[in-house]
Amino acid sequence: MSKKLDPRLKRKDRIRRKLSGTTERPRLSVYKSLKHIYAQVVDDTTGRTLAFASSLSKELKGNTEGDKKAEAKRVGALIAQKCKAANVDAVVFDRNGFPYHGRIAAVADAAREGGLKF
């Protein structure tokens, strides 16, 4: 059994050392699996999740047309809408060790279009 860390986890640790979510600017963390994409807004000072959206959310459940990138755009728009409801205007974007392209960039762009600043 190898004791090597997954390269994505090494990148994740390196990124998380440099950024943290505060009460004024919480952290927007994005995770993607092979099938789904998840986004949550976390206040690291109190350890609370302020908003959560995923491709499995009931708001997006019936809307499954399109590819995974289109699904990621819908998740980004939903997380922006939930952040506005929670009075969050600006966030710090945490790509969670994933490269910033494809579905991760689609979530970020849709969240920006929804009114989040980062």
PDB file of N, CA and C in Angstrom:
ATOM      1  N   MET A   1       0.831  -1.186   0.000  1.00  0.00           N
ATOM      2  CA  MET A   1       0.000   0.000   0.000  1.00  0.00           C
ATOM      3  C   MET A   1       0.874   1.248   0.000  1.00  0.00           C
ATOM      4  N   SER A   2       0.595   2.140  -0.906  1.00  0.00           N
ATOM      5  CA  SER A   2       1.391   3.342  -1.058  1.00  0.00           C
ATOM      6  C   SER A   2       0.957   4.403  -0.048  1.00  0.00           C
ATOM      7  N   LYS A   3       1.931   5.114   0.486  1.00  0.00           N
ATOM      8  CA  LYS A   3       1.627   6.171   1.441  1.00  0.00           C
ATOM      9  C   LYS A   3       1.656   7.549   0.780  1.00  0.00           C
ATOM     10  N   LYS A   4       1.698   7.575  -0.542  1.00  0.00           N
ATOM     11  CA  LYS A   4       1.706   8.850  -1.249  1.00  0.00           C
ATOM     12  C   LYS A   4       0.332   9.500  -1.179  1.00  0.00           C
ATOM     13  N   LEU A   5       0.336  10.817  -1.072  1.00  0.00           N
ATOM     14  CA  LEU A   5      -0.914  11.559  -1.102  1.00  0.00           C
ATOM     15  C   LEU A   5      -1.350  11.758  -2.546  1.00  0.00           C
ATOM     16  N   ASP A   6      -2.625  11.824  -2.725  1.00  0.00           N
ATOM     17  CA  ASP A   6      -3.178  12.157  -4.024  1.00  0.00           C
ATOM     18  C   ASP A   6      -2.702  13.567  -4.403  1.00  0.00           C
ATOM     19  N   PRO A   7      -2.264  13.780  -5.635  1.00  0.00           N
ATOM     20  CA  PRO A   7      -1.789  15.119  -6.015  1.00  0.00           C
ATOM     21  C   PRO A   7      -2.833  16.217  -5.815  1.00  0.00           C
ATOM     22  N   ARG A   8      -4.120  15.912  -6.027  1.00  0.00           N
ATOM     23  CA  ARG A   8      -5.148  16.918  -5.804  1.00  0.00           C
ATOM     24  C   ARG A   8      -5.214  17.307  -4.337  1.00  0.00           C
ATOM     25  N   LEU A   9      -5.049  16.343  -3.437  1.00  0.00           N
ATOM     26  CA  LEU A   9      -5.085  16.657  -2.012  1.00  0.00           C
ATOM     27  C   LEU A   9      -3.891  17.500  -1.592  1.00  0.00           C
ATOM     28  N   LYS A  10      -2.739  17.285  -2.230  1.00  0.00           N
ATOM     29  CA  LYS A  10      -1.586  18.133  -1.943  1.00  0.00           C
ATOM     30  C   LYS A  10      -1.842  19.563  -2.405  1.00  0.00           C
ATOM     31  N   ARG A  11      -2.434  19.720  -3.591  1.00  0.00           N
ATOM     32  CA  ARG A  11      -2.779  21.061  -4.071  1.00  0.00           C
ATOM     33  C   ARG A  11      -3.816  21.701  -3.163  1.00  0.00           C
ATOM     34  N   LYS A  12      -4.797  20.897  -2.717  1.00  0.00           N
ATOM     35  CA  LYS A  12      -5.844  21.412  -1.826  1.00  0.00           C
ATOM     36  C   LYS A  12      -5.239  21.952  -0.534  1.00  0.00           C
ATOM     37  N   ASP A  13      -4.335  21.205   0.067  1.00  0.00           N
ATOM     38  CA  ASP A  13      -3.697  21.656   1.302  1.00  0.00           C
ATOM     39  C   ASP A  13      -2.897  22.932   1.082  1.00  0.00           C
ATOM     40  N   ARG A  14      -2.202  23.026  -0.042  1.00  0.00           N
ATOM     41  CA  ARG A  14      -1.409  24.201  -0.345  1.00  0.00           C
ATOM     42  C   ARG A  14      -2.300  25.432  -0.529  1.00  0.00           C
ATOM     43  N   ILE A  15      -3.445  25.246  -1.174  1.00  0.00           N
ATOM     44  CA  ILE A  15      -4.381  26.350  -1.387  1.00  0.00           C
ATOM     45  C   ILE A  15      -5.014  26.774  -0.057  1.00  0.00           C
ATOM     46  N   ARG A  16      -5.423  25.805   0.754  1.00  0.00           N
ATOM     47  CA  ARG A  16      -6.134  26.109   2.007  1.00  0.00           C
ATOM     48  C   ARG A  16      -5.234  26.772   3.036  1.00  0.00           C
ATOM     49  N   ARG A  17      -3.903  26.596   2.925  1.00  0.00           N
ATOM     50  CA  ARG A  17      -3.007  27.307   3.818  1.00  0.00           C
ATOM     51  C   ARG A  17      -3.034  28.812   3.556  1.00  0.00           C
ATOM     52  N   LYS A  18      -3.348  29.181   2.307  1.00  0.00           N
ATOM     53  CA  LYS A  18      -3.276  30.583   1.912  1.00  0.00           C
ATOM     54  C   LYS A  18      -4.599  31.321   2.035  1.00  0.00           C
ATOM     55  N   LEU A  19      -5.727  30.621   2.023  1.00  0.00           N
ATOM     56  CA  LEU A  19      -7.006  31.321   2.067  1.00  0.00           C
ATOM     57  C   LEU A  19      -7.905  30.738   3.137  1.00  0.00           C
ATOM     58  N   SER A  20      -8.756  31.629   3.649  1.00  0.00           N
ATOM     59  CA  SER A  20      -9.694  31.242   4.694  1.00  0.00           C
ATOM     60  C   SER A  20     -10.912  32.142   4.599  1.00  0.00           C
ATOM     61  N   GLY A  21     -12.062  31.595   4.936  1.00  0.00           N
ATOM     62  CA  GLY A  21     -13.289  32.372   4.895  1.00  0.00           C
ATOM     63  C   GLY A  21     -13.537  33.074   6.208  1.00  0.00           C
ATOM     64  N   THR A  22     -13.957  34.328   6.124  1.00  0.00           N
ATOM     65  CA  THR A  22     -14.283  35.097   7.314  1.00  0.00           C
ATOM     66  C   THR A  22     -15.780  35.378   7.324  1.00  0.00           C
ATOM     67  N   THR A  23     -16.225  36.089   8.327  1.00  0.00           N
ATOM     68  CA  THR A  23     -17.636  36.436   8.398  1.00  0.00           C
ATOM     69  C   THR A  23     -18.007  37.410   7.285  1.00  0.00           C
ATOM     70  N   GLU A  24     -17.097  38.343   6.962  1.00  0.00           N
ATOM     71  CA  GLU A  24     -17.367  39.306   5.899  1.00  0.00           C
ATOM     72  C   GLU A  24     -17.258  38.672   4.519  1.00  0.00           C
ATOM     73  N   ARG A  25     -16.254  37.814   4.333  1.00  0.00           N
ATOM     74  CA  ARG A  25     -16.035  37.130   3.051  1.00  0.00           C
ATOM     75  C   ARG A  25     -15.875  35.641   3.297  1.00  0.00           C
ATOM     76  N   PRO A  26     -16.976  34.894   3.301  1.00  0.00           N
ATOM     77  CA  PRO A  26     -16.868  33.457   3.506  1.00  0.00           C
ATOM     78  C   PRO A  26     -16.244  32.763   2.292  1.00  0.00           C
ATOM     79  N   ARG A  27     -15.911  31.513   2.458  1.00  0.00           N
ATOM     80  CA  ARG A  27     -15.230  30.732   1.427  1.00  0.00           C
ATOM     81  C   ARG A  27     -16.250  29.947   0.615  1.00  0.00           C
ATOM     82  N   LEU A  28     -16.197  30.087  -0.707  1.00  0.00           N
ATOM     83  CA  LEU A  28     -17.033  29.300  -1.618  1.00  0.00           C
ATOM     84  C   LEU A  28     -16.206  28.106  -2.065  1.00  0.00           C
ATOM     85  N   SER A  29     -16.511  26.950  -1.518  1.00  0.00           N
ATOM     86  CA  SER A  29     -15.770  25.732  -1.812  1.00  0.00           C
ATOM     87  C   SER A  29     -16.533  24.906  -2.829  1.00  0.00           C
ATOM     88  N   VAL A  30     -15.838  24.458  -3.874  1.00  0.00           N
ATOM     89  CA  VAL A  30     -16.451  23.684  -4.950  1.00  0.00           C
ATOM     90  C   VAL A  30     -15.778  22.316  -5.008  1.00  0.00           C
ATOM     91  N   TYR A  31     -16.584  21.272  -5.084  1.00  0.00           N
ATOM     92  CA  TYR A  31     -16.082  19.905  -5.220  1.00  0.00           C
ATOM     93  C   TYR A  31     -16.800  19.245  -6.379  1.00  0.00           C
ATOM     94  N   LYS A  32     -16.062  18.510  -7.187  1.00  0.00           N
ATOM     95  CA  LYS A  32     -16.692  17.781  -8.285  1.00  0.00           C
ATOM     96  C   LYS A  32     -16.341  16.309  -8.183  1.00  0.00           C
ATOM     97  N   SER A  33     -17.364  15.491  -8.396  1.00  0.00           N
ATOM     98  CA  SER A  33     -17.140  14.060  -8.520  1.00  0.00           C
ATOM     99  C   SER A  33     -17.331  13.713  -9.990  1.00  0.00           C
ATOM    100  N   LEU A  34     -17.301  12.455 -10.307  1.00  0.00           N
ATOM    101  CA  LEU A  34     -17.456  12.080 -11.709  1.00  0.00           C
ATOM    102  C   LEU A  34     -18.855  12.394 -12.227  1.00  0.00           C
ATOM    103  N   LYS A  35     -19.871  12.334 -11.356  1.00  0.00           N
ATOM    104  CA  LYS A  35     -21.249  12.557 -11.792  1.00  0.00           C
ATOM    105  C   LYS A  35     -21.820  13.897 -11.381  1.00  0.00           C
ATOM    106  N   HIS A  36     -21.454  14.401 -10.210  1.00  0.00           N
ATOM    107  CA  HIS A  36     -22.127  15.559  -9.643  1.00  0.00           C
ATOM    108  C   HIS A  36     -21.128  16.652  -9.285  1.00  0.00           C
ATOM    109  N   ILE A  37     -21.670  17.826  -8.967  1.00  0.00           N
ATOM    110  CA  ILE A  37     -20.856  18.949  -8.516  1.00  0.00           C
ATOM    111  C   ILE A  37     -21.533  19.573  -7.302  1.00  0.00           C
ATOM    112  N   TYR A  38     -20.722  19.992  -6.341  1.00  0.00           N
ATOM    113  CA  TYR A  38     -21.208  20.509  -5.069  1.00  0.00           C
ATOM    114  C   TYR A  38     -20.547  21.852  -4.799  1.00  0.00           C
ATOM    115  N   ALA A  39     -21.294  22.785  -4.213  1.00  0.00           N
ATOM    116  CA  ALA A  39     -20.747  24.086  -3.826  1.00  0.00           C
ATOM    117  C   ALA A  39     -21.327  24.454  -2.469  1.00  0.00           C
ATOM    118  N   GLN A  40     -20.464  24.955  -1.606  1.00  0.00           N
ATOM    119  CA  GLN A  40     -20.948  25.416  -0.308  1.00  0.00           C
ATOM    120  C   GLN A  40     -20.180  26.652   0.108  1.00  0.00           C
ATOM    121  N   VAL A  41     -20.862  27.517   0.852  1.00  0.00           N
ATOM    122  CA  VAL A  41     -20.266  28.748   1.361  1.00  0.00           C
ATOM    123  C   VAL A  41     -20.063  28.560   2.854  1.00  0.00           C
ATOM    124  N   VAL A  42     -18.794  28.665   3.299  1.00  0.00           N
ATOM    125  CA  VAL A  42     -18.424  28.317   4.670  1.00  0.00           C
ATOM    126  C   VAL A  42     -17.783  29.521   5.346  1.00  0.00           C
ATOM    127  N   ASP A  43     -18.214  29.795   6.565  1.00  0.00           N
ATOM    128  CA  ASP A  43     -17.562  30.769   7.433  1.00  0.00           C
ATOM    129  C   ASP A  43     -16.591  29.990   8.317  1.00  0.00           C
ATOM    130  N   ASP A  44     -15.297  30.116   8.038  1.00  0.00           N
ATOM    131  CA  ASP A  44     -14.300  29.315   8.745  1.00  0.00           C
ATOM    132  C   ASP A  44     -14.063  29.783  10.172  1.00  0.00           C
ATOM    133  N   THR A  45     -14.402  31.017  10.501  1.00  0.00           N
ATOM    134  CA  THR A  45     -14.177  31.488  11.872  1.00  0.00           C
ATOM    135  C   THR A  45     -15.148  30.822  12.841  1.00  0.00           C
ATOM    136  N   THR A  46     -16.397  30.612  12.399  1.00  0.00           N
ATOM    137  CA  THR A  46     -17.372  29.945  13.263  1.00  0.00           C
ATOM    138  C   THR A  46     -17.580  28.481  12.890  1.00  0.00           C
ATOM    139  N   GLY A  47     -17.089  28.066  11.717  1.00  0.00           N
ATOM    140  CA  GLY A  47     -17.234  26.680  11.296  1.00  0.00           C
ATOM    141  C   GLY A  47     -18.633  26.344  10.812  1.00  0.00           C
ATOM    142  N   ARG A  48     -19.348  27.345  10.289  1.00  0.00           N
ATOM    143  CA  ARG A  48     -20.730  27.124   9.843  1.00  0.00           C
ATOM    144  C   ARG A  48     -20.826  27.185   8.335  1.00  0.00           C
ATOM    145  N   THR A  49     -21.707  26.359   7.781  1.00  0.00           N
ATOM    146  CA  THR A  49     -22.033  26.424   6.366  1.00  0.00           C
ATOM    147  C   THR A  49     -23.209  27.369   6.199  1.00  0.00           C
ATOM    148  N   LEU A  50     -23.033  28.413   5.388  1.00  0.00           N
ATOM    149  CA  LEU A  50     -24.058  29.431   5.214  1.00  0.00           C
ATOM    150  C   LEU A  50     -25.012  29.106   4.077  1.00  0.00           C
ATOM    151  N   ALA A  51     -24.508  28.465   3.027  1.00  0.00           N
ATOM    152  CA  ALA A  51     -25.348  28.105   1.882  1.00  0.00           C
ATOM    153  C   ALA A  51     -24.759  26.867   1.218  1.00  0.00           C
ATOM    154  N   PHE A  52     -25.618  26.053   0.625  1.00  0.00           N
ATOM    155  CA  PHE A  52     -25.196  24.816  -0.006  1.00  0.00           C
ATOM    156  C   PHE A  52     -26.031  24.580  -1.257  1.00  0.00           C
ATOM    157  N   ALA A  53     -25.388  24.146  -2.320  1.00  0.00           N
ATOM    158  CA  ALA A  53     -26.102  23.785  -3.547  1.00  0.00           C
ATOM    159  C   ALA A  53     -25.318  22.675  -4.235  1.00  0.00           C
ATOM    160  N   SER A  54     -26.029  21.790  -4.884  1.00  0.00           N
ATOM    161  CA  SER A  54     -25.379  20.729  -5.645  1.00  0.00           C
ATOM    162  C   SER A  54     -26.270  20.327  -6.802  1.00  0.00           C
ATOM    163  N   SER A  55     -25.738  19.476  -7.649  1.00  0.00           N
ATOM    164  CA  SER A  55     -26.539  18.980  -8.767  1.00  0.00           C
ATOM    165  C   SER A  55     -27.612  18.020  -8.275  1.00  0.00           C
ATOM    166  N   LEU A  56     -27.554  17.651  -7.002  1.00  0.00           N
ATOM    167  CA  LEU A  56     -28.572  16.783  -6.407  1.00  0.00           C
ATOM    168  C   LEU A  56     -29.633  17.580  -5.645  1.00  0.00           C
ATOM    169  N   SER A  57     -29.516  18.907  -5.614  1.00  0.00           N
ATOM    170  CA  SER A  57     -30.476  19.741  -4.886  1.00  0.00           C
ATOM    171  C   SER A  57     -31.872  19.586  -5.458  1.00  0.00           C
ATOM    172  N   LYS A  58     -32.859  19.692  -4.579  1.00  0.00           N
ATOM    173  CA  LYS A  58     -34.234  19.495  -5.043  1.00  0.00           C
ATOM    174  C   LYS A  58     -34.692  20.620  -5.959  1.00  0.00           C
ATOM    175  N   GLU A  59     -34.059  21.809  -5.881  1.00  0.00           N
ATOM    176  CA  GLU A  59     -34.400  22.887  -6.799  1.00  0.00           C
ATOM    177  C   GLU A  59     -33.986  22.562  -8.238  1.00  0.00           C
ATOM    178  N   LEU A  60     -32.960  21.736  -8.396  1.00  0.00           N
ATOM    179  CA  LEU A  60     -32.450  21.371  -9.716  1.00  0.00           C
ATOM    180  C   LEU A  60     -32.798  19.952 -10.119  1.00  0.00           C
ATOM    181  N   LYS A  61     -33.557  19.253  -9.298  1.00  0.00           N
ATOM    182  CA  LYS A  61     -33.775  17.819  -9.494  1.00  0.00           C
ATOM    183  C   LYS A  61     -34.428  17.480 -10.836  1.00  0.00           C
ATOM    184  N   GLY A  62     -35.456  18.182 -11.237  1.00  0.00           N
ATOM    185  CA  GLY A  62     -36.159  17.837 -12.465  1.00  0.00           C
ATOM    186  C   GLY A  62     -35.495  18.364 -13.724  1.00  0.00           C
ATOM    187  N   ASN A  63     -34.524  19.259 -13.571  1.00  0.00           N
ATOM    188  CA  ASN A  63     -33.904  19.931 -14.705  1.00  0.00           C
ATOM    189  C   ASN A  63     -32.572  19.254 -15.029  1.00  0.00           C
ATOM    190  N   THR A  64     -32.611  18.140 -15.764  1.00  0.00           N
ATOM    191  CA  THR A  64     -31.398  17.369 -16.024  1.00  0.00           C
ATOM    192  C   THR A  64     -30.974  17.401 -17.484  1.00  0.00           C
ATOM    193  N   GLU A  65     -31.545  18.311 -18.288  1.00  0.00           N
ATOM    194  CA  GLU A  65     -31.115  18.380 -19.672  1.00  0.00           C
ATOM    195  C   GLU A  65     -29.728  18.992 -19.735  1.00  0.00           C
ATOM    196  N   GLY A  66     -28.983  18.623 -20.761  1.00  0.00           N
ATOM    197  CA  GLY A  66     -27.662  19.203 -20.966  1.00  0.00           C
ATOM    198  C   GLY A  66     -26.559  18.337 -20.404  1.00  0.00           C
ATOM    199  N   ASP A  67     -25.371  18.833 -20.567  1.00  0.00           N
ATOM    200  CA  ASP A  67     -24.203  18.100 -20.116  1.00  0.00           C
ATOM    201  C   ASP A  67     -23.825  18.507 -18.693  1.00  0.00           C
ATOM    202  N   LYS A  68     -22.707  18.003 -18.217  1.00  0.00           N
ATOM    203  CA  LYS A  68     -22.289  18.283 -16.851  1.00  0.00           C
ATOM    204  C   LYS A  68     -21.872  19.736 -16.671  1.00  0.00           C
ATOM    205  N   LYS A  69     -21.374  20.366 -17.726  1.00  0.00           N
ATOM    206  CA  LYS A  69     -20.990  21.769 -17.628  1.00  0.00           C
ATOM    207  C   LYS A  69     -22.223  22.659 -17.477  1.00  0.00           C
ATOM    208  N   ALA A  70     -23.300  22.324 -18.178  1.00  0.00           N
ATOM    209  CA  ALA A  70     -24.553  23.073 -18.023  1.00  0.00           C
ATOM    210  C   ALA A  70     -25.121  22.871 -16.622  1.00  0.00           C
ATOM    211  N   GLU A  71     -24.978  21.684 -16.096  1.00  0.00           N
ATOM    212  CA  GLU A  71     -25.415  21.405 -14.722  1.00  0.00           C
ATOM    213  C   GLU A  71     -24.602  22.244 -13.728  1.00  0.00           C
ATOM    214  N   ALA A  72     -23.302  22.384 -13.984  1.00  0.00           N
ATOM    215  CA  ALA A  72     -22.447  23.190 -13.113  1.00  0.00           C
ATOM    216  C   ALA A  72     -22.863  24.656 -13.147  1.00  0.00           C
ATOM    217  N   LYS A  73     -23.279  25.153 -14.312  1.00  0.00           N
ATOM    218  CA  LYS A  73     -23.759  26.531 -14.399  1.00  0.00           C
ATOM    219  C   LYS A  73     -25.020  26.724 -13.574  1.00  0.00           C
ATOM    220  N   ARG A  74     -25.904  25.740 -13.599  1.00  0.00           N
ATOM    221  CA  ARG A  74     -27.129  25.839 -12.794  1.00  0.00           C
ATOM    222  C   ARG A  74     -26.801  25.825 -11.304  1.00  0.00           C
ATOM    223  N   VAL A  75     -25.811  25.027 -10.904  1.00  0.00           N
ATOM    224  CA  VAL A  75     -25.396  24.993  -9.496  1.00  0.00           C
ATOM    225  C   VAL A  75     -24.800  26.342  -9.097  1.00  0.00           C
ATOM    226  N   GLY A  76     -23.999  26.954  -9.965  1.00  0.00           N
ATOM    227  CA  GLY A  76     -23.423  28.260  -9.674  1.00  0.00           C
ATOM    228  C   GLY A  76     -24.483  29.336  -9.507  1.00  0.00           C
ATOM    229  N   ALA A  77     -25.499  29.304 -10.366  1.00  0.00           N
ATOM    230  CA  ALA A  77     -26.584  30.278 -10.250  1.00  0.00           C
ATOM    231  C   ALA A  77     -27.379  30.056  -8.960  1.00  0.00           C
ATOM    232  N   LEU A  78     -27.594  28.792  -8.594  1.00  0.00           N
ATOM    233  CA  LEU A  78     -28.338  28.477  -7.375  1.00  0.00           C
ATOM    234  C   LEU A  78     -27.577  28.898  -6.125  1.00  0.00           C
ATOM    235  N   ILE A  79     -26.258  28.674  -6.106  1.00  0.00           N
ATOM    236  CA  ILE A  79     -25.486  29.063  -4.923  1.00  0.00           C
ATOM    237  C   ILE A  79     -25.452  30.586  -4.799  1.00  0.00           C
ATOM    238  N   ALA A  80     -25.432  31.313  -5.911  1.00  0.00           N
ATOM    239  CA  ALA A  80     -25.479  32.779  -5.852  1.00  0.00           C
ATOM    240  C   ALA A  80     -26.817  33.247  -5.302  1.00  0.00           C
ATOM    241  N   GLN A  81     -27.887  32.588  -5.722  1.00  0.00           N
ATOM    242  CA  GLN A  81     -29.221  32.938  -5.232  1.00  0.00           C
ATOM    243  C   GLN A  81     -29.334  32.672  -3.731  1.00  0.00           C
ATOM    244  N   LYS A  82     -28.811  31.551  -3.269  1.00  0.00           N
ATOM    245  CA  LYS A  82     -28.871  31.229  -1.838  1.00  0.00           C
ATOM    246  C   LYS A  82     -27.976  32.152  -1.024  1.00  0.00           C
ATOM    247  N   CYS A  83     -26.863  32.597  -1.597  1.00  0.00           N
ATOM    248  CA  CYS A  83     -25.992  33.540  -0.890  1.00  0.00           C
ATOM    249  C   CYS A  83     -26.672  34.893  -0.736  1.00  0.00           C
ATOM    250  N   LYS A  84     -27.372  35.317  -1.755  1.00  0.00           N
ATOM    251  CA  LYS A  84     -28.113  36.580  -1.664  1.00  0.00           C
ATOM    252  C   LYS A  84     -29.180  36.496  -0.577  1.00  0.00           C
ATOM    253  N   ALA A  85     -29.816  35.336  -0.448  1.00  0.00           N
ATOM    254  CA  ALA A  85     -30.817  35.155   0.600  1.00  0.00           C
ATOM    255  C   ALA A  85     -30.182  35.174   1.987  1.00  0.00           C
ATOM    256  N   ALA A  86     -28.916  34.752   2.090  1.00  0.00           N
ATOM    257  CA  ALA A  86     -28.208  34.742   3.372  1.00  0.00           C
ATOM    258  C   ALA A  86     -27.411  36.017   3.601  1.00  0.00           C
ATOM    259  N   ASN A  87     -27.618  37.059   2.781  1.00  0.00           N
ATOM    260  CA  ASN A  87     -26.938  38.350   2.890  1.00  0.00           C
ATOM    261  C   ASN A  87     -25.423  38.237   2.731  1.00  0.00           C
ATOM    262  N   VAL A  88     -24.989  37.423   1.779  1.00  0.00           N
ATOM    263  CA  VAL A  88     -23.568  37.282   1.460  1.00  0.00           C
ATOM    264  C   VAL A  88     -23.350  37.878   0.080  1.00  0.00           C
ATOM    265  N   ASP A  89     -22.481  38.906  -0.003  1.00  0.00           N
ATOM    266  CA  ASP A  89     -22.220  39.566  -1.280  1.00  0.00           C
ATOM    267  C   ASP A  89     -20.892  39.148  -1.887  1.00  0.00           C
ATOM    268  N   ALA A  90     -19.862  38.998  -1.046  1.00  0.00           N
ATOM    269  CA  ALA A  90     -18.522  38.692  -1.533  1.00  0.00           C
ATOM    270  C   ALA A  90     -18.025  37.406  -0.886  1.00  0.00           C
ATOM    271  N   VAL A  91     -17.323  36.604  -1.661  1.00  0.00           N
ATOM    272  CA  VAL A  91     -16.789  35.335  -1.173  1.00  0.00           C
ATOM    273  C   VAL A  91     -15.335  35.199  -1.624  1.00  0.00           C
ATOM    274  N   VAL A  92     -14.653  34.228  -1.034  1.00  0.00           N
ATOM    275  CA  VAL A  92     -13.320  33.817  -1.462  1.00  0.00           C
ATOM    276  C   VAL A  92     -13.504  32.475  -2.153  1.00  0.00           C
ATOM    277  N   PHE A  93     -13.008  32.338  -3.383  1.00  0.00           N
ATOM    278  CA  PHE A  93     -13.246  31.126  -4.162  1.00  0.00           C
ATOM    279  C   PHE A  93     -12.184  30.087  -3.842  1.00  0.00           C
ATOM    280  N   ASP A  94     -12.639  28.887  -3.467  1.00  0.00           N
ATOM    281  CA  ASP A  94     -11.766  27.754  -3.160  1.00  0.00           C
ATOM    282  C   ASP A  94     -12.040  26.672  -4.191  1.00  0.00           C
ATOM    283  N   ARG A  95     -11.089  26.446  -5.097  1.00  0.00           N
ATOM    284  CA  ARG A  95     -11.293  25.457  -6.150  1.00  0.00           C
ATOM    285  C   ARG A  95     -10.996  24.042  -5.677  1.00  0.00           C
ATOM    286  N   ASN A  96     -10.549  23.897  -4.433  1.00  0.00           N
ATOM    287  CA  ASN A  96     -10.404  22.604  -3.784  1.00  0.00           C
ATOM    288  C   ASN A  96      -9.367  21.706  -4.452  1.00  0.00           C
ATOM    289  N   GLY A  97      -8.345  22.303  -5.066  1.00  0.00           N
ATOM    290  CA  GLY A  97      -7.285  21.525  -5.697  1.00  0.00           C
ATOM    291  C   GLY A  97      -7.564  21.143  -7.138  1.00  0.00           C
ATOM    292  N   PHE A  98      -8.750  21.439  -7.637  1.00  0.00           N
ATOM    293  CA  PHE A  98      -9.083  21.129  -9.024  1.00  0.00           C
ATOM    294  C   PHE A  98      -8.565  22.241  -9.932  1.00  0.00           C
ATOM    295  N   PRO A  99      -8.190  21.927 -11.164  1.00  0.00           N
ATOM    296  CA  PRO A  99      -7.783  22.986 -12.098  1.00  0.00           C
ATOM    297  C   PRO A  99      -8.955  23.905 -12.411  1.00  0.00           C
ATOM    298  N   TYR A 100      -8.660  25.198 -12.601  1.00  0.00           N
ATOM    299  CA  TYR A 100      -9.710  26.174 -12.856  1.00  0.00           C
ATOM    300  C   TYR A 100     -10.057  26.166 -14.342  1.00  0.00           C
ATOM    301  N   HIS A 101     -10.838  25.189 -14.747  1.00  0.00           N
ATOM    302  CA  HIS A 101     -11.389  25.147 -16.098  1.00  0.00           C
ATOM    303  C   HIS A 101     -12.541  24.171 -16.096  1.00  0.00           C
ATOM    304  N   GLY A 102     -13.308  24.166 -17.154  1.00  0.00           N
ATOM    305  CA  GLY A 102     -14.415  23.225 -17.265  1.00  0.00           C
ATOM    306  C   GLY A 102     -15.526  23.514 -16.283  1.00  0.00           C
ATOM    307  N   ARG A 103     -15.887  22.492 -15.511  1.00  0.00           N
ATOM    308  CA  ARG A 103     -17.022  22.621 -14.591  1.00  0.00           C
ATOM    309  C   ARG A 103     -16.751  23.563 -13.432  1.00  0.00           C
ATOM    310  N   ILE A 104     -15.505  23.617 -12.953  1.00  0.00           N
ATOM    311  CA  ILE A 104     -15.164  24.511 -11.849  1.00  0.00           C
ATOM    312  C   ILE A 104     -15.308  25.970 -12.307  1.00  0.00           C
ATOM    313  N   ALA A 105     -14.804  26.272 -13.489  1.00  0.00           N
ATOM    314  CA  ALA A 105     -14.922  27.623 -14.028  1.00  0.00           C
ATOM    315  C   ALA A 105     -16.378  27.967 -14.339  1.00  0.00           C
ATOM    316  N   ALA A 106     -17.171  26.978 -14.740  1.00  0.00           N
ATOM    317  CA  ALA A 106     -18.586  27.223 -15.037  1.00  0.00           C
ATOM    318  C   ALA A 106     -19.344  27.619 -13.768  1.00  0.00           C
ATOM    319  N   VAL A 107     -19.045  26.962 -12.649  1.00  0.00           N
ATOM    320  CA  VAL A 107     -19.672  27.331 -11.381  1.00  0.00           C
ATOM    321  C   VAL A 107     -19.277  28.752 -10.995  1.00  0.00           C
ATOM    322  N   ALA A 108     -18.000  29.081 -11.137  1.00  0.00           N
ATOM    323  CA  ALA A 108     -17.519  30.409 -10.766  1.00  0.00           C
ATOM    324  C   ALA A 108     -18.148  31.492 -11.638  1.00  0.00           C
ATOM    325  N   ASP A 109     -18.211  31.257 -12.942  1.00  0.00           N
ATOM    326  CA  ASP A 109     -18.783  32.256 -13.844  1.00  0.00           C
ATOM    327  C   ASP A 109     -20.269  32.470 -13.573  1.00  0.00           C
ATOM    328  N   ALA A 110     -20.998  31.391 -13.337  1.00  0.00           N
ATOM    329  CA  ALA A 110     -22.433  31.521 -13.061  1.00  0.00           C
ATOM    330  C   ALA A 110     -22.673  32.215 -11.725  1.00  0.00           C
ATOM    331  N   ALA A 111     -21.801  31.960 -10.737  1.00  0.00           N
ATOM    332  CA  ALA A 111     -21.944  32.638  -9.444  1.00  0.00           C
ATOM    333  C   ALA A 111     -21.663  34.128  -9.583  1.00  0.00           C
ATOM    334  N   ARG A 112     -20.683  34.476 -10.411  1.00  0.00           N
ATOM    335  CA  ARG A 112     -20.401  35.900 -10.667  1.00  0.00           C
ATOM    336  C   ARG A 112     -21.574  36.562 -11.378  1.00  0.00           C
ATOM    337  N   GLU A 113     -22.151  35.867 -12.355  1.00  0.00           N
ATOM    338  CA  GLU A 113     -23.307  36.421 -13.057  1.00  0.00           C
ATOM    339  C   GLU A 113     -24.496  36.576 -12.123  1.00  0.00           C
ATOM    340  N   GLY A 114     -24.579  35.703 -11.105  1.00  0.00           N
ATOM    341  CA  GLY A 114     -25.655  35.785 -10.134  1.00  0.00           C
ATOM    342  C   GLY A 114     -25.483  36.894  -9.119  1.00  0.00           C
ATOM    343  N   GLY A 115     -24.317  37.561  -9.118  1.00  0.00           N
ATOM    344  CA  GLY A 115     -24.122  38.703  -8.229  1.00  0.00           C
ATOM    345  C   GLY A 115     -23.071  38.547  -7.165  1.00  0.00           C
ATOM    346  N   LEU A 116     -22.414  37.402  -7.072  1.00  0.00           N
ATOM    347  CA  LEU A 116     -21.348  37.236  -6.089  1.00  0.00           C
ATOM    348  C   LEU A 116     -20.079  37.909  -6.568  1.00  0.00           C
ATOM    349  N   LYS A 117     -19.335  38.486  -5.654  1.00  0.00           N
ATOM    350  CA  LYS A 117     -18.069  39.142  -5.990  1.00  0.00           C
ATOM    351  C   LYS A 117     -16.916  38.319  -5.451  1.00  0.00           C
ATOM    352  N   PHE A 118     -16.008  37.958  -6.346  1.00  0.00           N
ATOM    353  CA  PHE A 118     -14.731  37.317  -5.962  1.00  0.00           C
ATOM    354  C   PHE A 118     -13.763  37.408  -7.093  1.00  0.00           C
TER     355      PHE A 118
END
